[in-house]
Protein backbone atom coordinates (compact mmCIF):
# COMPACT_ATOMS: atom_id res chain seq x y z
CA MET A 1 -0.12 0.26 0.20
CA ALA A 2 0.81 3.47 -1.25
CA ILE A 3 1.92 6.48 1.38
CA THR A 4 -0.59 9.25 0.77
CA LYS A 5 0.14 12.49 0.27
CA GLU A 6 -0.61 13.89 3.41
CA LYS A 7 0.76 11.08 5.73
CA LYS A 8 3.81 11.72 3.73
CA VAL A 9 3.58 15.89 4.69
CA SER A 10 2.38 14.92 8.31
CA ILE A 11 6.22 12.52 9.00
CA PHE A 12 7.71 15.90 7.09
CA THR A 13 6.61 17.88 9.14
CA GLN A 14 7.12 16.12 12.28
CA TYR A 15 10.77 15.07 11.71
CA GLY A 16 11.89 17.56 9.04
CA GLY A 17 10.54 20.34 10.71
CA ALA A 18 8.62 21.61 7.35
CA ALA A 19 6.77 19.96 5.01
CA THR A 20 8.81 21.38 2.27
CA ASN A 21 12.21 19.73 3.72
CA THR A 22 12.03 16.60 2.31
CA GLY A 23 15.51 16.45 2.36
CA SER A 24 15.93 15.50 6.27
CA THR A 25 17.65 12.85 7.09
CA GLU A 26 15.55 12.58 10.56
CA ALA A 27 12.51 12.58 7.36
CA GLN A 28 13.74 10.48 5.42
CA ILE A 29 14.20 7.40 8.15
CA ALA A 30 10.94 8.30 9.33
CA LEU A 31 9.46 7.38 5.75
CA LEU A 32 11.41 4.26 5.14
CA THR A 33 10.10 3.43 8.83
CA ASP A 34 6.55 3.99 7.91
CA ARG A 35 6.77 1.79 4.67
CA ILE A 36 8.43 -0.70 6.25
CA LEU A 37 6.09 -1.42 8.77
CA ASP A 38 3.13 -1.50 5.88
CA LEU A 39 5.45 -3.89 4.00
CA SER A 40 5.88 -5.92 7.02
CA LYS A 41 2.12 -6.12 7.85
CA HIS A 42 1.47 -7.19 4.26
CA LEU A 43 4.38 -9.98 4.65
CA GLN A 44 2.56 -10.99 6.94
CA LYS A 45 -0.88 -11.84 5.29
CA ASN A 46 1.10 -12.61 2.34
CA LYS A 47 3.64 -15.21 3.00
CA LYS A 48 5.45 -15.93 -0.50
CA ASP A 49 5.20 -12.60 -1.99
CA PHE A 50 9.03 -12.98 -2.24
CA SER A 51 9.50 -9.58 -4.75
CA THR A 52 8.07 -7.78 -1.60
CA GLN A 53 10.63 -9.11 0.73
CA LYS A 54 13.49 -8.22 -1.86
CA GLY A 55 12.32 -4.47 -1.72
CA LEU A 56 11.53 -4.76 2.44
CA ILE A 57 15.46 -5.72 2.53
CA ALA A 58 16.26 -2.99 0.31
CA LEU A 59 14.76 -0.70 2.34
CA VAL A 60 15.80 -1.90 5.68
CA GLY A 61 19.28 -1.38 4.37
CA GLU A 62 19.07 2.34 3.07
CA ARG A 63 17.28 2.91 6.50
CA LYS A 64 20.74 1.29 7.87
CA SER A 65 22.86 3.30 5.70
CA LEU A 66 20.76 6.62 6.64
CA LEU A 67 20.90 6.00 10.67
CA THR A 68 24.45 5.03 10.38
CA TYR A 69 25.29 8.70 8.95
CA LEU A 70 22.91 10.47 10.91
CA GLN A 71 25.00 8.90 14.10
CA LYS A 72 27.92 10.10 13.18
CA LYS A 73 26.96 13.47 11.90
CA ASP A 74 24.38 14.26 15.05
CA LEU A 75 24.96 11.36 17.88
CA MET A 76 22.24 13.49 20.20
CA GLY A 77 19.95 13.87 17.09
CA TYR A 78 20.52 10.14 16.58
CA ARG A 79 19.56 8.72 19.85
CA ALA A 80 16.46 11.22 19.71
CA LEU A 81 15.03 9.81 16.49
CA ILE A 82 15.66 5.95 17.98
CA GLU A 83 13.64 7.00 21.16
CA LYS A 84 10.92 8.56 18.60
CA LEU A 85 10.46 6.21 16.06
CA GLY A 86 10.74 3.18 18.62
CA LEU A 87 13.37 1.44 17.21
CA ARG A 88 15.81 -0.63 19.10
CA LYS A 89 14.20 -1.60 22.29
């Protein structure tokens, strides 16, 4: 399921500071996290959808690289984002 425009705007506003700040690392990570959660729900229902599974693995890898970049660039922002998104329990 695709993410609606309104949901993207709300994610960019909440994590990027403004709706037009789509290049913010925090906003990109939040958007990827939302897409990953949607695909995970889809895969729980459709266990043999291997193309979606491959896409999910690619998204997780992209999010991991962005998180690594953010950790090196801004450690306090990284920790706050991890807490806010509920990653790494």
